[in-house]
Each structure stands twice: as C-alpha cells, then as structure tokens.
Amino acid sequence: VSEWMGYALLFENMLPSVIYARDTLLRPGGVVLPDRATMHVALGCRPAAAEDDPVAWWGSVHGLDMSCFAPLRYRQTDVEHVDPACVFSPACEFLAIDVMTVTDADLDVEARPFRAAAERAETLACLVLWFDVGFERGCAEEAVRLSTSPHAEPTHWKQTLLWLEPGSRRAVEAGAVVEGELSLRRNKGSPRDYTISAAWRVGGEAFSQSFDLVAGEP
C-alpha cells in the first residue's frame, strides 16, 4: 500500500518507485493498492467574486496595478479547492491507470482526448482537472474509492486549474460540446515537475496552451 499520488495525480513523479517495488518485490498473487487511478477534466468559469480569481488579482495588488505580470500566470497551473458552482460540465475521464500493469513509459501521457458538454451558458475560462483512485483487487466485498472531485469531500490534493489566456476564452451555450486533447509530460531537467499541454475546440475555433506544474506550488 502506497500513497504516491500528487497534484493532477502524477506530479512529483512518485509512481515509478511503486512500479519498481511491484516488479522486484511483489510476490505472485500480491496486489498494489490503490490499484486503479483515473483522471478527469471539466469545463470551468471564473469565480463570481473577482478577489477569488487568481489572475484578476494582479489588477490591484494592495492598490497597485500589476496586471503586466498577469500573462506569466497563464503559464502556471493553480492548485485550489474549486467551488463546484464554477464547474459547468460533467466530468470527462481522459486517463485510466492500472497500477498493476502500468510502466514508467506510460507516465508521459500523450494527446488523450476529452469531450465535455456545457450544462449551462458560460464563458469557458479554465479547465479543471482532478483524479480518483480505487482499492479494488482483493476488496471485492467492499471496494473503496477516493475522489478529489470538486463535488466530493475536500482533500489536500485539491483540484488543478488550467487558466485560459483571455484571447482564448469563449462563450459556450448550454449543450455545446468542447472537444480536445490533454498531454502530461515530465520535465526532463526536473522529472518531479510536469508540463500539461491542452488543445481544444470551441464553436469551430481551435486553441492550444501549455502549463507548468512545478515544485513549490501550493
């Protein structure tokens, strides 16, 4: 049993240690728990209160306009407890990991498709990521699932937000579908860190953006 999960599931790159222990130490018939992990994405809008928007905050820092620094924030992820009211689509699972069979090479995730339908009219301002893990093998009578969804009990993993640049934000009508792809790649110079790349389409327009999930974030 190991708690290897990081923000956005893979941050800090701890799963390779579990894979090594599994391949070298696990007896036949043994199990690794949790044995299943999934990642999810949903559409997000800006908080109703401007002070809760970490990007808009730069417009008045103790009364000073420091909005010139705001563009740097669009390269960074935010790890926060997301108000469920800011999520306006059902979750879309875009990655599933079987911890009993996953390999190190699988931990650089390439172009996983997602499809999310808006439940109400909103402006798409961010993508919200989270993960679930399951304790299933050997737990058939009472399988356990831990969710870090914004709709679940809060955890220290929170949720990971990908804030879209203002020029990429678009109004989305209720029922409209946003399709895209997500990639998560380890940083070659600092493998604990990840780069998340998103590509998505809204109303016939295509957008893309990259984000850094790095050590030192909350």
Protein backbone atom coordinates (compact mmCIF):
# COMPACT_ATOMS: atom_id res chain seq x y z
CA VAL A 1 0.00 0.00 0.00
CA SER A 2 1.45 3.35 -1.04
CA GLU A 3 0.22 6.94 -1.20
CA TRP A 4 2.08 8.01 -4.32
CA MET A 5 -0.44 10.46 -5.79
CA GLY A 6 0.44 14.12 -6.35
CA TYR A 7 -1.41 17.11 -7.70
CA ALA A 8 -3.04 16.20 -11.01
CA LEU A 9 -2.23 12.61 -9.97
CA LEU A 10 1.26 12.42 -11.48
CA PHE A 11 3.03 15.47 -10.00
CA GLU A 12 6.24 14.65 -8.08
CA ASN A 13 6.69 11.50 -10.17
CA MET A 14 6.41 9.07 -7.25
CA LEU A 15 4.70 6.24 -9.13
CA PRO A 16 7.96 4.93 -10.69
CA SER A 17 9.11 3.88 -7.20
CA VAL A 18 5.92 1.88 -6.76
CA ILE A 19 6.42 0.29 -10.19
CA TYR A 20 9.97 -0.71 -9.24
CA ALA A 21 8.81 -2.23 -5.94
CA ARG A 22 5.99 -4.05 -7.72
CA ASP A 23 8.31 -5.54 -10.33
CA THR A 24 11.08 -6.55 -7.92
CA LEU A 25 9.42 -7.31 -4.57
CA LEU A 26 5.76 -8.22 -5.06
CA ARG A 27 5.05 -11.92 -4.56
CA PRO A 28 2.86 -13.81 -7.07
CA GLY A 29 -0.77 -13.15 -6.22
CA GLY A 30 0.06 -9.94 -4.38
CA VAL A 31 -1.61 -6.63 -5.11
CA VAL A 32 -0.62 -2.97 -5.11
CA LEU A 33 -3.13 -0.60 -3.51
CA PRO A 34 -4.57 1.66 -4.71
CA ASP A 35 -4.68 -0.43 -7.88
CA ARG A 36 -6.61 1.89 -10.17
CA ALA A 37 -6.41 5.61 -10.90
CA THR A 38 -8.37 7.84 -13.28
CA MET A 39 -8.02 11.47 -14.30
CA HIS A 40 -10.92 13.74 -15.15
CA VAL A 41 -11.46 17.13 -16.77
CA ALA A 42 -14.41 19.52 -16.71
CA LEU A 43 -15.21 23.00 -18.01
CA GLY A 44 -14.76 25.88 -15.57
CA CYS A 45 -15.78 29.54 -15.39
CA ARG A 46 -14.44 32.50 -13.41
CA PRO A 47 -15.49 32.83 -9.77
CA ALA A 48 -18.27 35.34 -9.18
CA ALA A 49 -16.04 37.36 -6.84
CA ALA A 50 -13.05 38.98 -8.56
CA GLU A 51 -10.90 38.51 -5.45
CA ASP A 52 -11.28 34.76 -5.90
CA ASP A 53 -9.82 34.91 -9.41
CA PRO A 54 -6.04 34.41 -9.04
CA VAL A 55 -5.38 36.10 -12.38
CA ALA A 56 -7.65 39.12 -11.91
CA TRP A 57 -5.96 39.63 -8.51
CA TRP A 58 -2.96 41.20 -10.28
CA GLY A 59 -5.10 44.15 -11.36
CA SER A 60 -4.98 45.55 -7.82
CA VAL A 61 -2.21 44.32 -5.54
CA HIS A 62 -2.64 46.40 -2.39
CA GLY A 63 -3.94 49.16 -4.64
CA LEU A 64 -1.21 48.84 -7.29
CA ASP A 65 -1.95 47.83 -10.87
CA MET A 66 0.44 44.95 -11.55
CA SER A 67 -1.54 43.45 -14.41
CA CYS A 68 1.64 43.45 -16.54
CA PHE A 69 2.61 40.31 -14.59
CA ALA A 70 -0.69 38.55 -15.23
CA PRO A 71 0.40 36.89 -18.52
CA LEU A 72 3.01 34.90 -16.58
CA ARG A 73 0.20 33.33 -14.58
CA TYR A 74 -1.33 31.74 -17.66
CA ARG A 75 1.72 29.52 -17.96
CA GLN A 76 1.26 28.24 -14.40
CA THR A 77 -1.31 25.86 -13.01
CA ASP A 78 -3.27 26.67 -9.88
CA VAL A 79 -3.91 24.05 -7.20
CA GLU A 80 -7.03 25.14 -5.34
CA HIS A 81 -10.28 23.95 -3.85
CA VAL A 82 -12.67 24.76 -6.70
CA ASP A 83 -16.18 25.97 -5.92
CA PRO A 84 -18.49 23.36 -7.55
CA ALA A 85 -20.57 26.28 -8.85
CA CYS A 86 -17.64 27.19 -11.13
CA VAL A 87 -17.79 23.78 -12.86
CA PHE A 88 -20.36 23.77 -15.65
CA SER A 89 -19.99 20.38 -17.32
CA PRO A 90 -19.99 16.74 -16.24
CA ALA A 91 -16.59 15.16 -15.67
CA CYS A 92 -14.87 13.50 -18.61
CA GLU A 93 -12.42 10.70 -17.84
CA PHE A 94 -9.38 11.08 -20.10
CA LEU A 95 -6.85 8.77 -18.44
CA ALA A 96 -7.09 5.40 -16.67
CA ILE A 97 -4.12 3.72 -14.99
CA ASP A 98 -3.98 0.11 -13.84
CA VAL A 99 -1.25 0.26 -11.20
CA MET A 100 -0.67 -3.49 -11.51
CA THR A 101 0.39 -3.20 -15.16
CA VAL A 102 1.42 0.43 -15.78
CA THR A 103 5.00 1.04 -16.94
CA ASP A 104 7.28 4.03 -16.48
CA ALA A 105 6.88 4.93 -20.15
CA ASP A 106 3.12 5.26 -19.63
CA LEU A 107 3.65 8.16 -17.24
CA ASP A 108 4.33 10.58 -20.09
CA VAL A 109 0.77 10.93 -21.29
CA GLU A 110 0.27 11.93 -24.91
CA ALA A 111 -2.79 13.51 -26.54
CA ARG A 112 -5.59 11.94 -24.53
CA PRO A 113 -8.95 13.05 -25.97
CA PHE A 114 -11.72 14.62 -23.93
CA ARG A 115 -15.26 15.73 -24.67
CA ALA A 116 -17.33 17.89 -22.32
CA ALA A 117 -20.84 19.28 -22.83
CA ALA A 118 -21.80 22.56 -21.15
CA GLU A 119 -24.70 22.24 -18.71
CA ARG A 120 -25.44 25.97 -18.89
CA ALA A 121 -24.34 29.03 -20.84
CA GLU A 122 -20.99 30.30 -19.53
CA THR A 123 -17.67 31.72 -20.62
CA LEU A 124 -15.05 28.98 -20.66
CA ALA A 125 -12.24 30.41 -18.53
CA CYS A 126 -10.40 27.32 -17.33
CA LEU A 127 -10.16 23.55 -17.45
CA VAL A 128 -10.47 21.80 -14.09
CA LEU A 129 -8.51 18.57 -13.51
CA TRP A 130 -8.75 16.03 -10.72
CA PHE A 131 -8.24 12.32 -10.07
CA ASP A 132 -9.89 9.35 -8.40
CA VAL A 133 -8.19 6.22 -7.07
CA GLY A 134 -9.72 2.85 -6.31
CA PHE A 135 -8.92 -0.01 -3.95
CA GLU A 136 -10.49 -2.87 -5.89
CA ARG A 137 -8.34 -6.01 -6.12
CA GLY A 138 -8.80 -8.09 -3.02
CA CYS A 139 -11.54 -5.72 -1.88
CA ALA A 140 -14.41 -7.19 -3.89
CA GLU A 141 -16.88 -7.14 -1.00
CA GLU A 142 -16.11 -3.56 -0.04
CA ALA A 143 -14.19 -1.74 -2.76
CA VAL A 144 -13.09 1.77 -1.76
CA ARG A 145 -12.94 4.83 -4.00
CA LEU A 146 -11.21 8.09 -3.13
CA SER A 147 -12.25 11.08 -5.25
CA THR A 148 -10.62 14.51 -5.38
CA SER A 149 -13.51 15.93 -7.40
CA PRO A 150 -14.73 19.44 -6.51
CA HIS A 151 -18.07 17.75 -5.80
CA ALA A 152 -16.51 15.37 -3.24
CA GLU A 153 -15.24 15.88 0.29
CA PRO A 154 -12.21 18.24 0.09
CA THR A 155 -8.73 16.67 0.20
CA HIS A 156 -5.23 18.10 0.38
CA TRP A 157 -4.81 17.30 -3.33
CA LYS A 158 -7.49 19.89 -4.16
CA GLN A 159 -8.02 20.37 -7.93
CA THR A 160 -5.67 21.59 -10.65
CA LEU A 161 -6.84 24.57 -12.73
CA LEU A 162 -5.60 25.46 -16.18
CA TRP A 163 -6.47 29.13 -16.68
CA LEU A 164 -7.01 30.03 -20.33
CA GLU A 165 -5.49 33.18 -21.77
CA PRO A 166 -8.09 35.95 -22.23
CA GLY A 167 -7.86 35.74 -26.02
CA SER A 168 -8.80 32.04 -25.87
CA ARG A 169 -11.87 32.43 -23.68
CA ARG A 170 -15.16 31.92 -25.48
CA ALA A 171 -18.83 31.98 -24.55
CA VAL A 172 -20.30 28.49 -24.60
CA GLU A 173 -24.03 27.86 -24.97
CA ALA A 174 -25.87 25.27 -22.90
CA GLY A 175 -25.48 21.88 -24.58
CA ALA A 176 -22.47 22.96 -26.65
CA VAL A 177 -19.60 20.47 -26.74
CA VAL A 178 -15.94 21.31 -26.15
CA GLU A 179 -13.57 18.68 -27.52
CA GLY A 180 -9.83 18.50 -27.17
CA GLU A 181 -6.73 16.65 -26.07
CA LEU A 182 -4.56 16.73 -22.96
CA SER A 183 -0.92 15.70 -22.61
CA LEU A 184 1.13 15.45 -19.41
CA ARG A 185 4.89 15.17 -19.81
CA ARG A 186 7.67 15.04 -17.25
CA ASN A 187 10.20 17.85 -17.30
CA LYS A 188 13.49 16.37 -18.49
CA GLY A 189 15.53 18.67 -16.26
CA SER A 190 13.29 18.21 -13.21
CA PRO A 191 11.28 14.97 -13.56
CA ARG A 192 9.18 15.73 -10.46
CA ASP A 193 7.58 18.55 -12.46
CA TYR A 194 5.12 18.18 -15.32
CA THR A 195 4.16 20.20 -18.36
CA ILE A 196 0.48 19.97 -19.22
CA SER A 197 -0.49 20.76 -22.81
CA ALA A 198 -4.09 21.37 -23.78
CA ALA A 199 -5.67 21.70 -27.21
CA TRP A 200 -9.40 22.34 -27.53
CA ARG A 201 -12.08 23.45 -29.96
CA VAL A 202 -15.00 25.80 -29.27
CA GLY A 203 -17.55 26.68 -31.94
CA GLY A 204 -15.24 25.81 -34.82
CA GLU A 205 -12.23 27.67 -33.35
CA ALA A 206 -9.11 25.80 -32.26
CA PHE A 207 -6.87 26.82 -29.35
CA SER A 208 -3.84 25.44 -27.52
CA GLN A 209 -1.86 26.34 -24.42
CA SER A 210 0.83 24.82 -22.19
CA PHE A 211 1.03 24.97 -18.41
CA ASP A 212 3.76 24.22 -15.85
CA LEU A 213 3.02 22.17 -12.74
CA VAL A 214 6.18 22.70 -10.74
CA ALA A 215 7.58 22.18 -7.25
CA GLY A 216 6.79 24.98 -4.85
CA GLU A 217 3.15 25.40 -5.88
CA PRO A 218 0.64 25.28 -3.01
